[in-house]
Amino acid sequence: MTSWICVDSSILLKLVLNEPDSPLAERLWQNWLANNVQPVAPFLFAFEITAVIRKVVYRGLLDPQLGQEALKKALAFNVSLQTFPEIHQNAWELATQFNRPTAYDAHYLALAKNLGCEFWTADQRLFNAVQQQLSWVHWLGELT
């Protein structure tokens, strides 16, 4: 039986960009594969992946050709993009509840909550904001 885990774009970006905690993300991803876990994300996931890689290229931190290859690789990962009718309203409510400046991250929280699954992020600020009330939210740094 396949189980779901909601994955933040910050985790997947670590799989295609060389960052200090990329090995942790790789270990987490391989664990999910070995345990027949299906990563899921809201539809904004692909937009965030594209935007972040483009920003890294724009800032001169990554060669444009390597950026294009990273984008292609990132979009090829098996992440099931999902939604539900109230996702935007639920994201708004979660962003308000946790006093988040934007609702992007709250869409991941809303999807995970709706599916009743764990949510994994590499965003420590988001994790710190919700960890006391949302025990199903996990931070990549927990693996160190």
Protein backbone atom coordinates (compact mmCIF):
# COMPACT_ATOMS: atom_id res chain seq x y z
CA MET A 1 0.00 0.00 0.00
CA THR A 2 1.28 3.46 -0.92
CA SER A 3 1.25 6.18 1.68
CA TRP A 4 1.47 9.91 1.04
CA ILE A 5 3.87 12.53 2.33
CA CYS A 6 3.45 16.16 1.42
CA VAL A 7 6.79 17.59 0.35
CA ASP A 8 7.79 21.23 0.22
CA SER A 9 9.63 22.53 -2.84
CA SER A 10 12.55 23.35 -0.53
CA ILE A 11 13.22 19.61 -0.06
CA LEU A 12 13.17 18.84 -3.77
CA LEU A 13 15.37 21.82 -4.60
CA LYS A 14 18.06 20.34 -2.38
CA LEU A 15 18.02 17.25 -4.59
CA VAL A 16 18.98 19.26 -7.69
CA LEU A 17 21.02 22.14 -6.24
CA ASN A 18 24.20 21.51 -4.32
CA GLU A 19 23.47 22.80 -0.82
CA PRO A 20 25.02 21.89 2.55
CA ASP A 21 22.04 19.77 3.60
CA SER A 22 21.44 18.16 0.19
CA PRO A 23 22.68 14.77 1.51
CA LEU A 24 19.94 14.85 4.15
CA ALA A 25 17.31 15.48 1.48
CA GLU A 26 18.74 12.64 -0.61
CA ARG A 27 18.61 10.25 2.36
CA LEU A 28 15.01 11.27 3.11
CA TRP A 29 13.94 10.86 -0.53
CA GLN A 30 15.60 7.43 -0.80
CA ASN A 31 13.85 6.35 2.40
CA TRP A 32 10.51 7.34 0.91
CA LEU A 33 11.24 5.39 -2.26
CA ALA A 34 12.26 2.31 -0.28
CA ASN A 35 9.06 2.50 1.77
CA ASN A 36 6.69 3.02 -1.17
CA VAL A 37 5.81 6.57 -0.12
CA GLN A 38 4.27 8.84 -2.74
CA PRO A 39 5.36 12.48 -2.40
CA VAL A 40 2.51 14.93 -2.99
CA ALA A 41 2.39 18.71 -3.27
CA PRO A 42 -0.06 21.45 -4.24
CA PHE A 43 0.00 22.67 -7.83
CA LEU A 44 2.11 25.71 -6.94
CA PHE A 45 5.03 23.29 -6.37
CA ALA A 46 6.21 23.36 -10.00
CA PHE A 47 5.95 27.17 -10.09
CA GLU A 48 8.07 27.47 -6.95
CA ILE A 49 10.69 25.06 -8.30
CA THR A 50 10.93 27.05 -11.54
CA ALA A 51 11.06 30.42 -9.76
CA VAL A 52 13.79 29.42 -7.31
CA ILE A 53 16.06 27.87 -9.93
CA ARG A 54 15.60 30.90 -12.18
CA LYS A 55 16.49 33.21 -9.28
CA VAL A 56 19.68 31.21 -8.58
CA VAL A 57 20.68 31.53 -12.25
CA TYR A 58 19.78 35.23 -12.35
CA ARG A 59 21.96 35.92 -9.31
CA GLY A 60 24.89 34.27 -11.09
CA LEU A 61 25.12 31.40 -8.62
CA LEU A 62 24.45 28.77 -11.28
CA ASP A 63 25.32 28.59 -14.96
CA PRO A 64 22.19 29.02 -17.13
CA GLN A 65 22.68 25.64 -18.82
CA LEU A 66 23.06 23.93 -15.44
CA GLY A 67 19.97 25.78 -14.24
CA GLN A 68 17.97 24.47 -17.16
CA GLU A 69 19.22 20.95 -16.45
CA ALA A 70 18.36 21.31 -12.75
CA LEU A 71 14.84 22.42 -13.67
CA LYS A 72 14.37 19.48 -16.02
CA LYS A 73 15.63 17.07 -13.37
CA ALA A 74 13.46 18.64 -10.65
CA LEU A 75 10.29 18.45 -12.71
CA ALA A 76 10.99 14.81 -13.53
CA PHE A 77 10.72 13.71 -9.88
CA ASN A 78 7.60 11.71 -9.15
CA VAL A 79 5.63 14.21 -7.10
CA SER A 80 1.87 13.91 -7.40
CA LEU A 81 0.38 17.40 -7.71
CA GLN A 82 -2.97 17.56 -5.92
CA THR A 83 -5.60 19.97 -4.77
CA PHE A 84 -9.06 20.06 -3.24
CA PRO A 85 -11.87 22.61 -3.56
CA GLU A 86 -11.18 24.54 -0.32
CA ILE A 87 -7.37 24.59 -0.52
CA HIS A 88 -7.06 28.37 -0.93
CA GLN A 89 -9.47 29.16 1.90
CA ASN A 90 -7.79 26.59 4.17
CA ALA A 91 -4.35 27.99 3.28
CA TRP A 92 -5.57 31.49 4.14
CA GLU A 93 -6.86 30.28 7.50
CA LEU A 94 -3.60 28.47 8.30
CA ALA A 95 -1.50 31.46 7.23
CA THR A 96 -3.62 33.65 9.50
CA GLN A 97 -3.53 31.19 12.40
CA PHE A 98 0.27 31.00 12.31
CA ASN A 99 0.80 34.66 11.34
CA ARG A 100 2.65 33.79 8.13
CA PRO A 101 3.49 36.69 5.79
CA THR A 102 2.43 34.76 2.67
CA ALA A 103 0.08 31.87 2.00
CA TYR A 104 2.36 29.87 -0.31
CA ASP A 105 3.65 27.59 2.43
CA ALA A 106 0.21 27.35 3.97
CA HIS A 107 -1.01 25.59 0.82
CA TYR A 108 1.33 22.71 1.64
CA LEU A 109 0.00 22.66 5.20
CA ALA A 110 -3.58 22.71 3.93
CA LEU A 111 -2.95 19.82 1.53
CA ALA A 112 -1.20 17.69 4.14
CA LYS A 113 -3.95 18.38 6.65
CA ASN A 114 -6.63 17.50 4.10
CA LEU A 115 -4.88 14.23 3.17
CA GLY A 116 -4.07 13.39 6.78
CA CYS A 117 -0.37 12.93 6.01
CA GLU A 118 2.97 14.24 7.19
CA PHE A 119 4.48 17.37 5.68
CA TRP A 120 8.25 17.75 5.25
CA THR A 121 10.03 21.05 4.69
CA ALA A 122 13.56 22.43 4.70
CA ASP A 123 12.19 25.82 5.77
CA GLN A 124 13.15 26.15 9.42
CA ARG A 125 11.17 29.36 9.90
CA LEU A 126 7.97 27.67 8.75
CA PHE A 127 8.70 24.65 10.93
CA ASN A 128 9.39 26.83 13.97
CA ALA A 129 6.15 28.73 13.43
CA VAL A 130 3.93 25.63 13.43
CA GLN A 131 5.76 22.85 15.27
CA GLN A 132 4.06 23.40 18.64
CA GLN A 133 0.58 22.88 17.17
CA LEU A 134 1.12 20.68 14.10
CA SER A 135 2.93 17.49 15.13
CA TRP A 136 2.72 16.14 11.56
CA VAL A 137 5.02 18.89 10.24
CA HIS A 138 8.69 17.88 10.02
CA TRP A 139 11.88 19.78 9.24
CA LEU A 140 14.79 18.35 7.27
CA GLY A 141 17.12 19.44 10.08
CA GLU A 142 15.52 16.83 12.36
CA LEU A 143 17.56 14.22 10.50
CA THR A 144 20.95 15.53 11.64
